[in-house]
Protein backbone atom coordinates (compact mmCIF):
# COMPACT_ATOMS: atom_id res chain seq x y z
CA UNK A 1 12.69 28.74 11.89
CA UNK A 2 14.21 28.05 15.33
CA UNK A 3 12.47 25.48 17.53
CA UNK A 4 13.27 24.36 21.07
CA UNK A 5 11.39 22.62 23.89
CA UNK A 6 10.87 24.23 27.31
CA UNK A 7 8.99 22.27 30.01
CA UNK A 8 6.80 20.47 27.50
CA UNK A 9 6.13 23.61 25.45
CA UNK A 10 7.49 24.40 22.00
CA UNK A 11 9.18 27.77 21.71
CA UNK A 12 8.99 28.74 18.04
CA UNK A 13 10.18 31.70 16.07
CA UNK A 14 8.08 32.89 13.13
CA UNK A 15 5.55 30.04 13.46
CA UNK A 16 2.53 32.18 12.63
CA UNK A 17 4.40 33.64 9.67
CA UNK A 18 5.11 30.12 8.44
CA UNK A 19 1.43 29.18 8.65
CA UNK A 20 0.41 32.40 6.87
CA UNK A 21 2.79 31.65 3.99
CA UNK A 22 1.53 28.05 3.83
CA UNK A 23 -2.06 29.26 3.47
CA UNK A 24 -1.07 31.44 0.54
CA UNK A 25 1.24 28.98 -1.24
CA UNK A 26 -0.34 25.60 -0.50
CA UNK A 27 -3.33 25.49 1.92
CA UNK A 28 -3.27 21.70 1.86
CA UNK A 29 0.01 21.78 3.81
CA UNK A 30 -1.76 23.52 6.69
CA UNK A 31 -4.53 20.90 6.72
CA UNK A 32 -1.97 18.09 6.66
CA UNK A 33 -0.01 19.67 9.48
CA UNK A 34 -3.10 20.05 11.66
CA UNK A 35 -4.05 16.45 10.98
CA UNK A 36 -0.55 15.42 12.00
CA UNK A 37 -0.89 17.40 15.24
CA UNK A 38 -4.02 15.44 16.13
CA UNK A 39 -2.29 12.14 15.38
CA UNK A 40 0.73 13.05 17.51
CA UNK A 41 -1.48 14.16 20.39
CA UNK A 42 -3.57 10.99 20.40
CA UNK A 43 -1.48 9.25 23.13
CA UNK A 44 -2.53 12.04 25.51
CA UNK A 45 -6.19 11.36 24.72
CA UNK A 46 -5.71 7.61 25.19
CA UNK A 47 -3.97 8.13 28.53
CA UNK A 48 -6.75 10.42 29.78
CA UNK A 49 -9.48 7.99 28.75
CA UNK A 50 -7.70 5.12 30.49
CA UNK A 51 -7.32 7.15 33.69
CA UNK A 52 -11.00 8.15 33.98
CA UNK A 53 -12.81 5.74 36.33
CA UNK A 54 -15.41 3.47 34.77
CA UNK A 55 -17.52 3.43 37.94
CA UNK A 56 -19.09 6.53 39.52
CA UNK A 57 -16.62 8.05 42.01
CA UNK A 58 -19.47 9.48 44.10
CA UNK A 59 -22.74 7.87 45.19
CA UNK A 60 -24.69 10.88 43.89
CA UNK A 61 -23.50 10.14 40.36
CA UNK A 62 -25.13 6.70 40.26
CA UNK A 63 -28.46 8.13 39.06
CA UNK A 64 -29.53 7.67 35.42
CA UNK A 65 -30.61 11.26 34.87
CA UNK A 66 -29.15 14.67 35.63
CA UNK A 67 -26.19 16.64 34.36
CA UNK A 68 -23.80 14.95 36.79
CA UNK A 69 -25.06 11.40 36.22
CA UNK A 70 -22.12 9.10 35.41
CA UNK A 71 -24.17 6.47 33.54
CA UNK A 72 -26.32 8.94 31.59
CA UNK A 73 -23.30 10.88 30.39
CA UNK A 74 -21.72 7.71 28.99
CA UNK A 75 -24.66 7.35 26.57
CA UNK A 76 -24.62 10.92 25.31
CA UNK A 77 -23.03 12.27 22.14
CA UNK A 78 -20.23 13.66 24.27
CA UNK A 79 -19.47 10.59 26.37
CA UNK A 80 -17.97 10.46 29.82
CA UNK A 81 -14.58 9.45 28.47
CA UNK A 82 -14.49 12.05 25.71
CA UNK A 83 -11.15 13.77 25.24
CA UNK A 84 -10.41 15.49 21.95
CA UNK A 85 -7.32 17.17 20.57
CA UNK A 86 -7.84 20.65 19.19
CA UNK A 87 -5.44 23.13 17.67
CA UNK A 88 -4.72 26.07 19.93
CA UNK A 89 -4.05 29.60 18.76
CA UNK A 90 -0.81 31.40 19.53
CA UNK A 91 -0.91 33.08 22.92
CA UNK A 92 -0.91 36.87 23.09
CA UNK A 93 -1.06 39.60 25.70
CA UNK A 94 -2.41 43.03 24.73
CA UNK A 95 -2.06 42.13 21.07
CA UNK A 96 1.58 41.11 21.46
CA UNK A 97 2.49 37.52 20.54
CA UNK A 98 4.24 35.37 23.11
CA UNK A 99 7.03 32.97 22.12
CA UNK A 100 5.23 29.89 23.48
CA UNK A 101 2.69 28.58 20.97
CA UNK A 102 0.07 26.02 22.01
CA UNK A 103 -0.38 23.79 18.99
CA UNK A 104 -3.05 21.45 20.35
CA UNK A 105 -5.08 20.96 23.48
CA UNK A 106 -6.87 17.97 24.98
CA UNK A 107 -10.37 18.77 26.17
CA UNK A 108 -12.57 16.62 28.40
CA UNK A 109 -16.17 17.55 27.68
CA UNK A 110 -18.17 15.73 30.35
CA UNK A 111 -19.21 17.73 33.43
CA UNK A 112 -19.13 14.74 35.86
CA UNK A 113 -15.56 13.96 34.84
CA UNK A 114 -14.43 17.54 35.38
CA UNK A 115 -16.23 17.68 38.74
CA UNK A 116 -14.62 14.48 40.03
CA UNK A 117 -11.19 15.46 38.76
CA UNK A 118 -10.97 19.15 39.70
CA UNK A 119 -13.28 19.75 42.68
CA UNK A 120 -11.44 21.65 45.39
CA UNK A 121 -8.64 22.86 43.13
CA UNK A 122 -8.93 26.44 44.38
CA UNK A 123 -11.55 26.21 47.11
CA UNK A 124 -12.60 29.77 46.30
CA UNK A 125 -16.27 29.00 45.68
CA UNK A 126 -16.80 26.09 48.05
CA UNK A 127 -19.79 26.86 50.29
CA UNK A 128 -19.71 30.51 49.14
CA UNK A 129 -23.51 30.58 48.68
CA UNK A 130 -26.37 29.83 51.03
CA UNK A 131 -28.47 28.15 48.31
CA UNK A 132 -27.37 26.31 45.17
CA UNK A 133 -28.19 27.29 41.62
CA UNK A 134 -31.15 25.48 40.05
CA UNK A 135 -30.26 22.03 38.70
CA UNK A 136 -31.89 18.92 37.19
CA UNK A 137 -33.48 16.55 39.69
CA UNK A 138 -35.53 13.36 39.45
CA UNK A 139 -38.77 13.42 41.48
CA UNK A 140 -40.92 10.39 42.24
CA UNK A 141 -44.60 11.24 41.67
CA UNK A 142 -47.23 8.50 42.01
CA UNK A 143 -44.50 5.90 41.57
CA UNK A 144 -43.21 7.51 38.38
CA UNK A 145 -39.80 9.10 37.88
CA UNK A 146 -40.20 12.70 36.69
CA UNK A 147 -37.33 14.96 35.68
CA UNK A 148 -37.62 18.45 37.12
CA UNK A 149 -35.65 21.27 38.71
CA UNK A 150 -34.70 22.06 42.28
CA UNK A 151 -32.43 24.02 44.61
CA UNK A 152 -31.13 23.12 48.05
CA UNK A 153 -29.46 24.79 51.00
CA UNK A 154 -25.69 24.46 51.23
CA UNK A 155 -24.65 22.93 54.53
CA UNK A 156 -21.13 21.63 53.96
CA UNK A 157 -21.84 19.15 51.16
CA UNK A 158 -19.09 20.67 49.01
CA UNK A 159 -16.36 20.15 51.58
CA UNK A 160 -17.59 16.64 52.27
CA UNK A 161 -17.59 15.80 48.56
CA UNK A 162 -14.05 17.10 48.11
CA UNK A 163 -12.87 15.15 51.14
CA UNK A 164 -14.48 12.00 49.74
CA UNK A 165 -12.81 12.47 46.35
CA UNK A 166 -9.43 13.11 47.95
CA UNK A 167 -9.81 9.95 50.00
CA UNK A 168 -10.94 7.89 47.00
CA UNK A 169 -8.11 8.99 44.71
CA UNK A 170 -5.43 9.58 47.31
CA UNK A 171 -4.77 13.22 46.52
CA UNK A 172 -6.04 16.63 45.56
CA UNK A 173 -7.05 17.94 42.11
CA UNK A 174 -6.18 17.17 39.45
CA UNK A 175 -6.87 13.59 40.47
CA UNK A 176 -6.52 11.69 37.19
CA UNK A 177 -6.77 13.84 34.03
CA UNK A 178 -3.67 16.03 34.33
CA UNK A 179 -1.39 13.32 35.79
CA UNK A 180 -2.34 11.03 32.88
CA UNK A 181 -1.78 13.76 30.28
CA UNK A 182 1.51 14.93 31.77
CA UNK A 183 2.96 11.42 31.57
CA UNK A 184 2.71 11.63 27.76
CA UNK A 185 3.55 15.31 27.17
CA UNK A 186 7.38 15.03 26.88
CA UNK A 187 7.17 12.45 24.08
CA UNK A 188 4.36 14.33 22.33
CA UNK A 189 6.28 17.64 22.52
CA UNK A 190 9.37 15.99 21.02
CA UNK A 191 7.33 14.58 18.14
CA UNK A 192 5.61 17.93 17.61
CA UNK A 193 9.02 19.55 17.28
CA UNK A 194 9.93 17.13 14.50
CA UNK A 195 6.61 17.68 12.71
CA UNK A 196 6.89 21.46 12.79
CA UNK A 197 10.50 21.38 11.58
CA UNK A 198 9.54 19.08 8.70
CA UNK A 199 6.70 21.41 7.72
CA UNK A 200 9.14 24.34 7.74
CA UNK A 201 11.64 22.40 5.61
CA UNK A 202 8.93 21.37 3.13
CA UNK A 203 7.74 24.96 2.83
CA UNK A 204 11.25 26.26 2.24
CA UNK A 205 11.85 23.64 -0.45
CA UNK A 206 8.58 24.58 -2.13
CA UNK A 207 9.41 28.30 -2.08
CA UNK A 208 12.82 27.66 -3.62
CA UNK A 209 11.12 25.84 -6.47
CA UNK A 210 8.82 28.74 -7.33
């Protein structure tokens, strides 16, 4: 199997065929290879976690409740600094496989993190509606905090938020997640190349012994 690196991507020939043969001959090899992928990709996860701010980047995220609350998200099952490595399926267009195969992906699960990092990336939907969608909101009723729902008119808050984030982080989206990940990708891609080649060699040796 031929393997080469192109801009942080692995270009593989017959990768899916290799995995299909592994599943038939020795399924454990596939499980071991996927586990190895996650281990190799861990530096990307670590870099992303380190880059995510510990303190709320916006004053509206200081609240303890709500989907975009920075502090509340940190106590949930999917914490603010969650970033996991997952295997990615081979890319295809109209049923035709492409030569670039995504082996793993890092995913940040928390909505506040994604908002702070990517707001304003395209600008397509900023202030495109007159009224927001319904969202969680904390009301104060007779001195008690009550979680409810609300909407509000859009009057430029989106642009102001994006401007504040750009000023805080000194640049446009992605502000911290992608720059952190990209700093580790070359080394991870090189190690992935070695892992895939070893798996191919092991499979070939096993098939010769049958």
